[in-house]
């Protein structure tokens, strides 16, 4: 199902699919707005955002980023993307982690399979 909320002016806001909503430090965060913000960076070709389990916050925002051809992953680029998101969105919405990957897992209809990215993170946590 979908998740949303009604604000103090009685407007209804769509947050995202229930499976995709990230609960972090008491905030309910939809990945769509974060992904849109990251995609505005010229080095980014594709992105998917998930909640990564975190002992302190419940989850943190993590972005999996596919870079545009010719772009090279670096700490400087990671920080530039984080800064760009913080400039556009609330402090709790920026991705605390960014992982550069070659491709995103997709459905046959071209939608990102976030469940595979969440499972990858859970496997990594189980191994650490």
Protein backbone atom coordinates (compact mmCIF):
# COMPACT_ATOMS: atom_id res chain seq x y z
CA UNK A 1 0.00 0.00 0.00
CA UNK A 2 0.85 3.68 -0.13
CA UNK A 3 1.85 5.93 2.78
CA UNK A 4 1.05 9.61 3.15
CA UNK A 5 0.10 12.26 5.67
CA UNK A 6 -2.16 15.27 6.05
CA UNK A 7 -0.43 18.54 7.01
CA UNK A 8 -1.66 21.34 9.28
CA UNK A 9 -3.34 23.05 6.29
CA UNK A 10 -5.23 19.83 5.52
CA UNK A 11 -3.20 19.01 2.38
CA UNK A 12 -2.59 15.34 1.70
CA UNK A 13 1.03 14.40 0.90
CA UNK A 14 2.16 11.14 -0.72
CA UNK A 15 5.29 9.72 0.94
CA UNK A 16 5.78 6.49 -1.00
CA UNK A 17 5.08 2.79 -1.10
CA UNK A 18 4.81 1.29 2.38
CA UNK A 19 7.65 -1.14 1.62
CA UNK A 20 9.93 1.71 0.53
CA UNK A 21 9.30 4.23 3.34
CA UNK A 22 12.37 4.72 5.54
CA UNK A 23 11.84 5.20 9.27
CA UNK A 24 14.84 7.08 10.66
CA UNK A 25 15.14 8.80 14.06
CA UNK A 26 11.37 9.21 14.23
CA UNK A 27 11.00 10.56 10.68
CA UNK A 28 9.12 8.80 7.89
CA UNK A 29 11.11 9.39 4.72
CA UNK A 30 10.05 8.58 1.16
CA UNK A 31 12.89 7.67 -1.20
CA UNK A 32 11.44 9.46 -4.26
CA UNK A 33 12.31 13.02 -3.32
CA UNK A 34 15.83 12.00 -2.28
CA UNK A 35 16.34 10.11 -5.54
CA UNK A 36 15.08 13.09 -7.55
CA UNK A 37 17.53 15.34 -5.73
CA UNK A 38 20.48 12.99 -6.32
CA UNK A 39 19.59 12.63 -10.01
CA UNK A 40 20.05 16.40 -10.42
CA UNK A 41 23.80 15.90 -9.92
CA UNK A 42 25.42 15.73 -13.38
CA UNK A 43 27.62 12.75 -12.45
CA UNK A 44 24.63 10.53 -11.59
CA UNK A 45 22.91 8.30 -14.15
CA UNK A 46 20.66 6.22 -11.86
CA UNK A 47 19.97 5.99 -8.14
CA UNK A 48 17.99 3.94 -5.64
CA UNK A 49 17.53 4.86 -1.98
CA UNK A 50 16.78 2.43 0.84
CA UNK A 51 16.77 2.37 4.61
CA UNK A 52 19.83 0.63 6.04
CA UNK A 53 19.41 -0.75 9.58
CA UNK A 54 21.17 1.41 12.17
CA UNK A 55 21.36 0.81 15.93
CA UNK A 56 20.97 4.49 16.82
CA UNK A 57 18.40 5.75 14.30
CA UNK A 58 16.49 2.59 13.39
CA UNK A 59 17.51 3.13 9.76
CA UNK A 60 19.74 5.51 7.87
CA UNK A 61 19.25 6.71 4.32
CA UNK A 62 21.56 4.86 1.94
CA UNK A 63 21.84 5.58 -1.77
CA UNK A 64 23.07 3.19 -4.45
CA UNK A 65 24.37 5.32 -7.31
CA UNK A 66 25.18 4.39 -10.90
CA UNK A 67 27.49 7.03 -12.34
CA UNK A 68 27.25 8.55 -15.79
CA UNK A 69 29.75 7.28 -18.38
CA UNK A 70 33.21 8.72 -17.79
CA UNK A 71 32.59 9.53 -14.11
CA UNK A 72 34.86 7.97 -11.50
CA UNK A 73 33.77 7.09 -7.95
CA UNK A 74 35.57 9.05 -5.23
CA UNK A 75 35.09 10.31 -1.70
CA UNK A 76 34.94 13.85 -3.09
CA UNK A 77 32.07 12.93 -5.42
CA UNK A 78 30.27 11.13 -2.59
CA UNK A 79 30.53 14.25 -0.42
CA UNK A 80 29.43 16.52 -3.28
CA UNK A 81 26.29 14.43 -3.80
CA UNK A 82 25.54 14.48 -0.07
CA UNK A 83 26.04 18.24 0.05
CA UNK A 84 23.75 18.77 -2.95
CA UNK A 85 20.97 16.80 -1.24
CA UNK A 86 21.40 18.71 2.04
CA UNK A 87 21.05 21.97 0.12
CA UNK A 88 17.65 20.89 -1.28
CA UNK A 89 16.10 18.72 1.44
CA UNK A 90 15.83 18.43 5.22
CA UNK A 91 18.87 17.38 7.24
CA UNK A 92 17.36 13.98 8.09
CA UNK A 93 16.83 13.12 4.39
CA UNK A 94 20.37 13.24 3.03
CA UNK A 95 22.03 9.88 2.38
CA UNK A 96 24.46 9.14 5.20
CA UNK A 97 25.93 6.42 2.99
CA UNK A 98 26.42 6.33 -0.77
CA UNK A 99 27.60 3.21 -2.55
CA UNK A 100 28.66 3.44 -6.18
CA UNK A 101 27.55 0.39 -8.17
CA UNK A 102 27.69 -0.65 -11.83
CA UNK A 103 23.96 -1.32 -12.21
CA UNK A 104 20.75 -1.40 -10.21
CA UNK A 105 18.60 -4.54 -9.95
CA UNK A 106 15.56 -3.90 -12.15
CA UNK A 107 12.25 -5.57 -12.91
CA UNK A 108 11.35 -6.48 -16.48
CA UNK A 109 9.25 -3.30 -16.59
CA UNK A 110 12.21 -1.10 -15.64
CA UNK A 111 11.47 -0.46 -11.96
CA UNK A 112 14.20 -0.69 -9.34
CA UNK A 113 14.00 -3.79 -7.15
CA UNK A 114 14.74 -2.13 -3.81
CA UNK A 115 14.03 -5.40 -2.01
CA UNK A 116 17.24 -6.83 -3.50
CA UNK A 117 19.23 -3.84 -2.22
CA UNK A 118 17.66 -4.15 1.25
CA UNK A 119 18.44 -7.89 1.29
CA UNK A 120 22.04 -7.16 0.28
CA UNK A 121 22.41 -4.83 3.27
CA UNK A 122 20.86 -7.39 5.63
CA UNK A 123 23.29 -10.06 4.35
CA UNK A 124 26.23 -7.71 4.91
CA UNK A 125 25.05 -6.95 8.46
CA UNK A 126 24.69 -10.66 9.22
CA UNK A 127 28.29 -11.25 8.06
CA UNK A 128 29.80 -8.43 10.13
